[in-house]
Amino acid sequence: MVFTSLLSSLHKTISPYLPPGLATCLASAFISDGKYLPDFLHEFIGTLLMVGLTFSPGKWIGTDSLVVAWTAHAAGVIAADRIGGGPHVNPAVSVSMWALGKCSYTEAYVRTTGAMAGGLVAFPLFKLVAATLGWEPLGGPEFDPVDDEEGIASGFSEFAAMVLLMIMIYAVNWELDFGKYHYWIKQTMTAVGIRYLIETFPKAG
């Protein structure tokens, strides 16, 4: 009882200083006696890197060159995957993998909270970096509160982008075989595909 009270008091003390939902995400990392903690960390680190390395092209890198921006984005996707340990870095991907029987429900849940935690930390962190260095702030997908108050256009954009993304992931990971250089080719193709979807569906995340 005393321990619970201490935890509650600690949560009330630090919660005003944390992004909403971060404490819940962090607590989820220790489900099943920490069995899925490595997966949580892969998603957290991967998402943190993915946001920093793929949202910055066009804003901080390659502002005057489409080729440089796309190349930097591709490098960012590959780096986030290699350094992060092969994370899903997208809750929709985790749900899809669970639906296909590639992971358990609990693993999918922990991976989702890890990705959410990474995003909750990444955007405030890079916002601080931009403000400190005088750079253009990184932006994410957003809906038009005037002409699309209910977010219908944004929702459709997200849905269409995710369907195409999953088809691409299935194809380059499970259907195609590039031999000796399979990893590098399929990751580059994935990166180019993601960049194309970002440009085509700017309201999607």
Protein backbone atom coordinates (compact mmCIF):
# COMPACT_ATOMS: atom_id res chain seq x y z
CA MET A 1 0.00 0.00 0.00
CA VAL A 2 2.83 2.35 0.92
CA PHE A 3 4.67 1.45 -2.29
CA THR A 4 1.56 2.16 -4.35
CA SER A 5 1.14 5.53 -2.66
CA LEU A 6 4.76 6.38 -3.36
CA LEU A 7 4.36 5.46 -7.02
CA SER A 8 1.19 7.53 -7.27
CA SER A 9 2.92 10.50 -5.66
CA LEU A 10 5.93 10.14 -7.96
CA HIS A 11 3.68 9.97 -11.02
CA LYS A 12 1.81 13.14 -9.98
CA THR A 13 5.12 14.92 -9.43
CA ILE A 14 6.76 14.12 -12.76
CA SER A 15 3.73 13.84 -15.07
CA PRO A 16 3.48 17.62 -15.70
CA TYR A 17 6.99 17.50 -17.14
CA LEU A 18 6.42 14.51 -19.44
CA PRO A 19 4.54 14.30 -22.76
CA PRO A 20 1.01 12.95 -22.17
CA GLY A 21 0.98 9.16 -22.30
CA LEU A 22 4.74 8.68 -21.99
CA ALA A 23 4.58 7.27 -18.44
CA THR A 24 1.99 4.69 -19.51
CA CYS A 25 4.11 3.69 -22.51
CA LEU A 26 7.21 3.29 -20.35
CA ALA A 27 5.30 1.15 -17.82
CA SER A 28 4.20 -1.16 -20.64
CA ALA A 29 7.82 -2.01 -21.37
CA PHE A 30 7.93 -4.28 -18.32
CA ILE A 31 4.87 -6.41 -19.08
CA SER A 32 5.46 -10.17 -18.68
CA ASP A 33 8.40 -9.61 -16.35
CA GLY A 34 10.25 -7.58 -18.95
CA LYS A 35 10.18 -10.36 -21.56
CA TYR A 36 9.52 -7.85 -24.33
CA LEU A 37 11.77 -5.07 -23.03
CA PRO A 38 14.29 -5.56 -25.89
CA ASP A 39 11.45 -5.18 -28.41
CA PHE A 40 10.29 -2.02 -26.63
CA LEU A 41 13.80 -0.57 -26.77
CA HIS A 42 14.16 -1.45 -30.46
CA GLU A 43 10.93 0.39 -31.23
CA PHE A 44 11.79 3.35 -28.99
CA ILE A 45 15.27 3.84 -30.42
CA GLY A 46 14.16 3.06 -33.98
CA THR A 47 11.31 5.57 -33.87
CA LEU A 48 13.50 8.23 -32.29
CA LEU A 49 16.04 7.78 -35.07
CA MET A 50 13.37 7.48 -37.76
CA VAL A 51 11.81 10.81 -36.81
CA GLY A 52 15.16 12.58 -36.58
CA LEU A 53 16.67 11.08 -39.72
CA THR A 54 13.63 11.02 -42.02
CA PHE A 55 11.73 14.17 -41.04
CA SER A 56 14.84 16.34 -41.31
CA PRO A 57 15.42 15.82 -45.07
CA GLY A 58 13.79 18.74 -46.83
CA LYS A 59 13.83 20.80 -43.63
CA TRP A 60 17.39 20.61 -42.31
CA ILE A 61 19.04 18.59 -45.07
CA GLY A 62 18.64 19.03 -48.80
CA THR A 63 16.42 22.11 -48.54
CA ASP A 64 17.42 23.15 -52.06
CA SER A 65 17.95 19.72 -53.59
CA LEU A 66 15.33 17.00 -54.03
CA VAL A 67 18.03 14.42 -54.75
CA VAL A 68 19.91 15.22 -51.55
CA ALA A 69 16.70 15.15 -49.50
CA TRP A 70 15.61 11.76 -50.89
CA THR A 71 19.12 10.32 -50.47
CA ALA A 72 19.30 11.55 -46.87
CA HIS A 73 15.87 10.07 -46.21
CA ALA A 74 16.94 6.68 -47.61
CA ALA A 75 20.09 6.74 -45.47
CA GLY A 76 17.95 7.63 -42.45
CA VAL A 77 15.58 4.70 -42.96
CA ILE A 78 18.49 2.26 -43.29
CA ALA A 79 20.31 3.72 -40.27
CA ALA A 80 17.19 3.62 -38.09
CA ASP A 81 16.65 -0.03 -39.00
CA ARG A 82 20.27 -1.10 -38.47
CA ILE A 83 20.89 0.85 -35.26
CA GLY A 84 17.41 0.21 -33.86
CA GLY A 85 17.67 -3.54 -34.33
CA GLY A 86 15.05 -4.02 -37.05
CA PRO A 87 12.03 -2.33 -35.42
CA HIS A 88 8.54 -1.96 -36.89
CA VAL A 89 8.60 1.79 -36.02
CA ASN A 90 4.91 1.99 -36.87
CA PRO A 91 1.96 0.72 -34.77
CA ALA A 92 0.09 -0.21 -37.96
CA VAL A 93 2.97 -2.50 -38.96
CA SER A 94 2.92 -4.14 -35.50
CA VAL A 95 -0.83 -4.72 -35.72
CA SER A 96 -0.41 -6.18 -39.20
CA MET A 97 2.34 -8.53 -38.02
CA TRP A 98 0.12 -9.69 -35.14
CA ALA A 99 -2.81 -10.25 -37.53
CA LEU A 100 -0.55 -12.39 -39.74
CA GLY A 101 0.71 -14.40 -36.77
CA LYS A 102 4.23 -13.00 -36.98
CA CYS A 103 4.18 -11.91 -33.33
CA SER A 104 2.00 -12.35 -30.26
CA TYR A 105 -0.62 -9.86 -29.15
CA THR A 106 1.52 -8.86 -26.16
CA GLU A 107 4.60 -8.30 -28.30
CA ALA A 108 2.57 -6.20 -30.74
CA TYR A 109 1.22 -4.15 -27.83
CA VAL A 110 4.67 -3.56 -26.33
CA ARG A 111 6.13 -2.69 -29.73
CA THR A 112 3.30 -0.20 -30.26
CA THR A 113 3.92 1.50 -26.92
CA GLY A 114 7.65 1.57 -27.67
CA ALA A 115 7.04 3.32 -30.98
CA MET A 116 4.62 5.76 -29.34
CA ALA A 117 7.14 6.51 -26.60
CA GLY A 118 9.82 7.15 -29.21
CA GLY A 119 7.55 9.59 -31.02
CA LEU A 120 6.51 11.33 -27.81
CA VAL A 121 10.16 11.93 -26.95
CA ALA A 122 11.40 12.65 -30.47
CA PHE A 123 9.22 15.58 -31.46
CA PRO A 124 9.76 17.69 -28.29
CA LEU A 125 13.46 16.82 -28.41
CA PHE A 126 13.95 17.87 -32.04
CA LYS A 127 11.72 20.89 -31.49
CA LEU A 128 14.17 21.96 -28.75
CA VAL A 129 17.12 21.32 -31.07
CA ALA A 130 15.52 23.42 -33.82
CA ALA A 131 14.70 26.27 -31.43
CA THR A 132 18.21 26.22 -29.95
CA LEU A 133 19.98 26.24 -33.32
CA GLY A 134 17.49 28.49 -35.10
CA TRP A 135 16.47 25.78 -37.58
CA GLU A 136 13.04 25.26 -39.14
CA PRO A 137 10.95 23.09 -36.79
CA LEU A 138 10.22 19.56 -37.93
CA GLY A 139 6.58 19.06 -38.78
CA GLY A 140 4.36 16.02 -38.94
CA PRO A 141 1.05 15.16 -40.59
CA GLU A 142 -1.86 17.40 -39.70
CA PHE A 143 -5.45 17.95 -40.72
CA ASP A 144 -7.18 21.14 -41.76
CA PRO A 145 -9.40 22.22 -38.82
CA VAL A 146 -11.33 24.64 -41.08
CA ASP A 147 -12.05 22.76 -44.32
CA ASP A 148 -11.70 19.25 -42.85
CA GLU A 149 -12.94 19.66 -39.29
CA GLU A 150 -13.68 15.96 -38.81
CA GLY A 151 -10.38 14.87 -40.32
CA ILE A 152 -12.00 12.77 -43.05
CA ALA A 153 -9.45 13.69 -45.71
CA SER A 154 -6.59 13.04 -43.30
CA GLY A 155 -8.09 9.72 -42.25
CA PHE A 156 -8.46 8.58 -45.86
CA SER A 157 -4.93 9.77 -46.63
CA GLU A 158 -3.60 7.76 -43.68
CA PHE A 159 -5.57 4.67 -44.70
CA ALA A 160 -4.46 4.77 -48.34
CA ALA A 161 -0.82 5.40 -47.43
CA MET A 162 -0.79 2.52 -44.92
CA VAL A 163 -2.36 0.05 -47.36
CA LEU A 164 0.28 0.88 -49.96
CA LEU A 165 3.07 0.82 -47.34
CA MET A 166 2.09 -2.65 -46.10
CA ILE A 167 1.87 -4.03 -49.65
CA MET A 168 5.35 -2.67 -50.28
CA ILE A 169 6.71 -4.16 -47.03
CA TYR A 170 5.22 -7.57 -47.81
CA ALA A 171 6.61 -7.52 -51.34
CA VAL A 172 10.20 -6.43 -50.65
CA ASN A 173 10.58 -8.51 -47.47
CA TRP A 174 8.79 -11.74 -48.32
CA GLU A 175 8.28 -12.00 -52.07
CA LEU A 176 11.43 -10.58 -53.64
CA ASP A 177 14.95 -11.95 -53.29
CA PHE A 178 17.91 -9.79 -54.24
CA GLY A 179 20.52 -12.37 -53.27
CA LYS A 180 23.72 -11.27 -51.54
CA TYR A 181 22.67 -7.63 -51.27
CA HIS A 182 19.03 -8.31 -50.36
CA TYR A 183 19.05 -6.26 -47.14
CA TRP A 184 20.55 -3.13 -48.68
CA ILE A 185 18.38 -3.23 -51.79
CA LYS A 186 15.11 -3.95 -50.00
CA GLN A 187 15.79 -1.26 -47.36
CA THR A 188 16.60 1.29 -50.06
CA MET A 189 13.44 0.38 -51.95
CA THR A 190 11.44 0.67 -48.72
CA ALA A 191 12.97 4.08 -48.02
CA VAL A 192 12.17 5.37 -51.51
CA GLY A 193 8.64 4.01 -51.19
CA ILE A 194 8.12 5.71 -47.82
CA ARG A 195 9.40 9.01 -49.19
CA TYR A 196 7.08 8.75 -52.16
CA LEU A 197 4.10 8.09 -49.86
CA ILE A 198 5.06 11.08 -47.70
CA GLU A 199 5.16 13.31 -50.77
CA THR A 200 1.94 11.84 -52.21
CA PHE A 201 -0.03 11.73 -48.95
CA PRO A 202 1.28 14.70 -46.92
CA LYS A 203 -1.56 14.41 -44.41
CA ALA A 204 -0.58 10.85 -43.51
CA GLY A 205 1.88 9.89 -40.81
